[in-house]
Amino acid sequence: MKDNKDHATMELPGFADPAPQATELRKIGIPPKRSKTAKQVQMNLLEVLGPTDISGLPAWVNDENTDLTGLPVWR
C-alpha cells in the first residue's frame, strides 16, 4: 500500500536531478610563500617537583619524615 504523501519528499531541496557542473580551469602557478613561525620550545614545568620517571610525571621519592601513605612520622 502506497502512502499518499510520498510525492512530497521529491519536492524537498536536494532531491532534484543535479545541475551540470561547469568545469573550472585552474592556473598552475607558484604556491604562496609561507611565513616563518617561531620555533616551539618544550617547557619543563614539572622540574620544580623533583625527578621524573620515563612518562614525565613526578617520580616517587621516599622521604624519611613521611610514611608510605604520605603522612608525617611522629618521633
N, C-alpha and C. Protein backbone atom coordinates (compact mmCIF):
# COMPACT_ATOMS: atom_id res chain seq x y z
N MET A 1 0.84 -1.16 0.00
CA MET A 1 0.00 0.00 0.00
C MET A 1 0.89 1.24 0.00
N LYS A 2 0.61 2.17 -0.84
CA LYS A 2 1.42 3.37 -1.01
C LYS A 2 0.87 4.50 -0.15
N ASP A 3 1.78 5.22 0.47
CA ASP A 3 1.38 6.37 1.26
C ASP A 3 1.10 7.54 0.33
N ASN A 4 0.07 8.29 0.59
CA ASN A 4 -0.31 9.40 -0.27
C ASN A 4 0.69 10.55 -0.22
N LYS A 5 1.52 10.64 0.82
CA LYS A 5 2.43 11.78 0.96
C LYS A 5 3.85 11.46 0.49
N ASP A 6 4.07 10.34 -0.16
CA ASP A 6 5.41 10.01 -0.66
C ASP A 6 5.90 11.01 -1.69
N HIS A 7 5.02 11.59 -2.46
CA HIS A 7 5.43 12.52 -3.50
C HIS A 7 5.98 13.82 -2.90
N ALA A 8 5.68 14.12 -1.63
CA ALA A 8 6.14 15.36 -1.01
C ALA A 8 7.65 15.34 -0.79
N THR A 9 8.22 14.17 -0.63
CA THR A 9 9.67 14.07 -0.42
C THR A 9 10.43 14.57 -1.63
N MET A 10 9.94 14.33 -2.81
CA MET A 10 10.63 14.74 -4.02
C MET A 10 10.62 16.26 -4.20
N GLU A 11 9.79 16.95 -3.45
CA GLU A 11 9.74 18.40 -3.57
C GLU A 11 10.75 19.10 -2.66
N LEU A 12 11.41 18.36 -1.80
CA LEU A 12 12.41 18.95 -0.91
C LEU A 12 13.65 19.34 -1.70
N PRO A 13 14.38 20.36 -1.25
CA PRO A 13 15.61 20.75 -1.94
C PRO A 13 16.63 19.62 -1.87
N GLY A 14 17.33 19.40 -2.95
CA GLY A 14 18.37 18.38 -2.99
C GLY A 14 17.93 17.06 -3.61
N PHE A 15 16.63 16.84 -3.80
CA PHE A 15 16.15 15.60 -4.38
C PHE A 15 15.95 15.70 -5.89
N ALA A 16 16.16 16.87 -6.44
CA ALA A 16 16.01 17.04 -7.88
C ALA A 16 17.27 16.53 -8.58
N ASP A 17 17.19 16.42 -9.89
CA ASP A 17 18.37 15.99 -10.65
C ASP A 17 19.46 17.05 -10.51
N PRO A 18 20.70 16.62 -10.33
CA PRO A 18 21.78 17.59 -10.16
C PRO A 18 22.01 18.39 -11.43
N ALA A 19 22.32 19.68 -11.24
CA ALA A 19 22.59 20.55 -12.38
C ALA A 19 23.98 20.23 -12.91
N PRO A 20 24.19 20.33 -14.23
CA PRO A 20 25.53 20.06 -14.77
C PRO A 20 26.52 21.10 -14.25
N GLN A 21 27.69 20.61 -13.87
CA GLN A 21 28.71 21.49 -13.32
C GLN A 21 29.63 21.96 -14.44
N ALA A 22 29.93 23.24 -14.39
CA ALA A 22 30.87 23.79 -15.36
C ALA A 22 32.28 23.44 -14.92
N THR A 23 33.09 23.01 -15.85
CA THR A 23 34.47 22.67 -15.50
C THR A 23 35.25 23.95 -15.28
N GLU A 24 36.04 23.95 -14.27
CA GLU A 24 36.81 25.14 -13.92
C GLU A 24 38.27 24.90 -14.29
N LEU A 25 38.83 25.81 -15.04
CA LEU A 25 40.22 25.70 -15.41
C LEU A 25 41.06 26.39 -14.34
N ARG A 26 41.98 25.65 -13.80
CA ARG A 26 42.85 26.21 -12.76
C ARG A 26 44.20 26.55 -13.36
N LYS A 27 44.71 27.66 -12.94
CA LYS A 27 46.04 28.06 -13.38
C LYS A 27 47.07 27.40 -12.49
N ILE A 28 48.06 26.81 -13.12
CA ILE A 28 49.16 26.21 -12.37
C ILE A 28 50.18 27.32 -12.14
N GLY A 29 50.37 27.62 -10.89
CA GLY A 29 51.27 28.73 -10.58
C GLY A 29 52.17 28.40 -9.40
N ILE A 30 52.80 29.41 -8.93
CA ILE A 30 53.70 29.25 -7.80
C ILE A 30 52.87 29.24 -6.52
N PRO A 31 53.10 28.27 -5.64
CA PRO A 31 52.34 28.23 -4.39
C PRO A 31 52.70 29.45 -3.53
N PRO A 32 51.77 29.91 -2.72
CA PRO A 32 52.04 31.08 -1.89
C PRO A 32 53.15 30.78 -0.88
N LYS A 33 53.94 31.79 -0.57
CA LYS A 33 55.04 31.61 0.37
C LYS A 33 54.49 31.56 1.79
N ARG A 34 55.05 30.67 2.57
CA ARG A 34 54.64 30.54 3.97
C ARG A 34 55.46 31.51 4.82
N SER A 35 54.78 32.07 5.78
CA SER A 35 55.51 32.96 6.69
C SER A 35 56.26 32.10 7.71
N LYS A 36 57.41 32.58 8.13
CA LYS A 36 58.21 31.83 9.08
C LYS A 36 57.62 31.99 10.47
N THR A 37 57.47 30.86 11.16
CA THR A 37 56.94 30.89 12.51
C THR A 37 58.07 30.61 13.49
N ALA A 38 57.89 31.08 14.70
CA ALA A 38 58.92 30.87 15.72
C ALA A 38 58.97 29.40 16.10
N LYS A 39 60.17 28.93 16.38
CA LYS A 39 60.35 27.54 16.77
C LYS A 39 59.78 27.34 18.18
N GLN A 40 59.05 26.25 18.37
CA GLN A 40 58.46 25.98 19.66
C GLN A 40 59.46 25.28 20.56
N VAL A 41 59.44 25.64 21.83
CA VAL A 41 60.37 25.08 22.80
C VAL A 41 59.57 24.42 23.91
N GLN A 42 59.97 23.21 24.29
CA GLN A 42 59.28 22.49 25.35
C GLN A 42 59.68 23.07 26.70
N MET A 43 58.69 23.44 27.50
CA MET A 43 58.95 23.98 28.83
C MET A 43 58.82 22.85 29.85
N ASN A 44 59.77 22.75 30.74
CA ASN A 44 59.74 21.70 31.75
C ASN A 44 59.14 22.29 33.02
N LEU A 45 57.82 22.23 33.15
CA LEU A 45 57.12 22.81 34.29
C LEU A 45 57.16 21.92 35.52
N LEU A 46 57.43 20.63 35.34
CA LEU A 46 57.45 19.72 36.48
C LEU A 46 58.83 19.63 37.11
N GLU A 47 59.77 20.40 36.62
CA GLU A 47 61.14 20.36 37.13
C GLU A 47 61.20 20.72 38.61
N VAL A 48 60.34 21.62 39.06
CA VAL A 48 60.36 22.07 40.45
C VAL A 48 59.87 20.98 41.40
N LEU A 49 59.18 19.97 40.90
CA LEU A 49 58.67 18.90 41.75
C LEU A 49 59.68 17.81 42.01
N GLY A 50 60.83 17.86 41.38
CA GLY A 50 61.86 16.85 41.60
C GLY A 50 62.03 15.95 40.40
N PRO A 51 62.67 14.81 40.61
CA PRO A 51 62.93 13.89 39.48
C PRO A 51 61.64 13.34 38.89
N THR A 52 61.69 13.01 37.60
CA THR A 52 60.53 12.47 36.91
C THR A 52 60.85 11.08 36.37
N ASP A 53 59.81 10.29 36.13
CA ASP A 53 60.02 8.96 35.55
C ASP A 53 60.00 9.07 34.03
N ILE A 54 59.93 7.95 33.34
CA ILE A 54 60.01 7.93 31.88
C ILE A 54 58.84 8.68 31.24
N SER A 55 57.67 8.62 31.89
CA SER A 55 56.49 9.28 31.33
C SER A 55 56.50 10.79 31.53
N GLY A 56 57.41 11.30 32.36
CA GLY A 56 57.48 12.73 32.61
C GLY A 56 56.74 13.16 33.86
N LEU A 57 56.09 12.21 34.53
CA LEU A 57 55.40 12.52 35.78
C LEU A 57 56.38 12.46 36.95
N PRO A 58 56.09 13.17 38.03
CA PRO A 58 57.00 13.14 39.17
C PRO A 58 57.18 11.72 39.70
N ALA A 59 58.43 11.36 39.97
CA ALA A 59 58.74 10.02 40.48
C ALA A 59 58.56 10.00 41.99
N TRP A 60 58.26 8.81 42.53
CA TRP A 60 58.11 8.66 43.97
C TRP A 60 59.48 8.76 44.61
N VAL A 61 59.57 9.64 45.61
CA VAL A 61 60.81 9.80 46.37
C VAL A 61 60.48 9.49 47.82
N ASN A 62 61.19 8.54 48.41
CA ASN A 62 60.94 8.15 49.79
C ASN A 62 61.51 9.21 50.72
N ASP A 63 60.65 9.83 51.50
CA ASP A 63 61.05 10.85 52.44
C ASP A 63 61.08 10.23 53.83
N GLU A 64 62.14 10.48 54.59
CA GLU A 64 62.27 9.88 55.92
C GLU A 64 61.27 10.49 56.91
N ASN A 65 60.73 11.66 56.61
CA ASN A 65 59.79 12.32 57.52
C ASN A 65 58.34 11.93 57.28
N THR A 66 58.09 11.09 56.27
CA THR A 66 56.72 10.63 55.99
C THR A 66 56.72 9.12 55.86
N ASP A 67 55.56 8.51 56.16
CA ASP A 67 55.43 7.06 55.95
C ASP A 67 54.99 6.80 54.52
N LEU A 68 54.67 5.56 54.18
CA LEU A 68 54.32 5.20 52.80
C LEU A 68 53.01 5.83 52.33
N THR A 69 52.16 6.25 53.27
CA THR A 69 50.91 6.89 52.88
C THR A 69 51.06 8.39 52.67
N GLY A 70 52.23 8.95 53.02
CA GLY A 70 52.46 10.37 52.86
C GLY A 70 52.19 11.17 54.11
N LEU A 71 51.79 10.48 55.19
CA LEU A 71 51.53 11.17 56.45
C LEU A 71 52.83 11.37 57.23
N PRO A 72 52.95 12.44 58.02
CA PRO A 72 54.19 12.67 58.76
C PRO A 72 54.42 11.60 59.84
N VAL A 73 55.70 11.28 60.05
CA VAL A 73 56.09 10.31 61.06
C VAL A 73 56.34 11.08 62.36
N TRP A 74 55.65 10.65 63.43
CA TRP A 74 55.84 11.29 64.74
C TRP A 74 57.02 10.67 65.43
N ARG A 75 57.93 11.51 65.92
CA ARG A 75 59.12 10.99 66.59
C ARG A 75 59.23 11.56 67.97
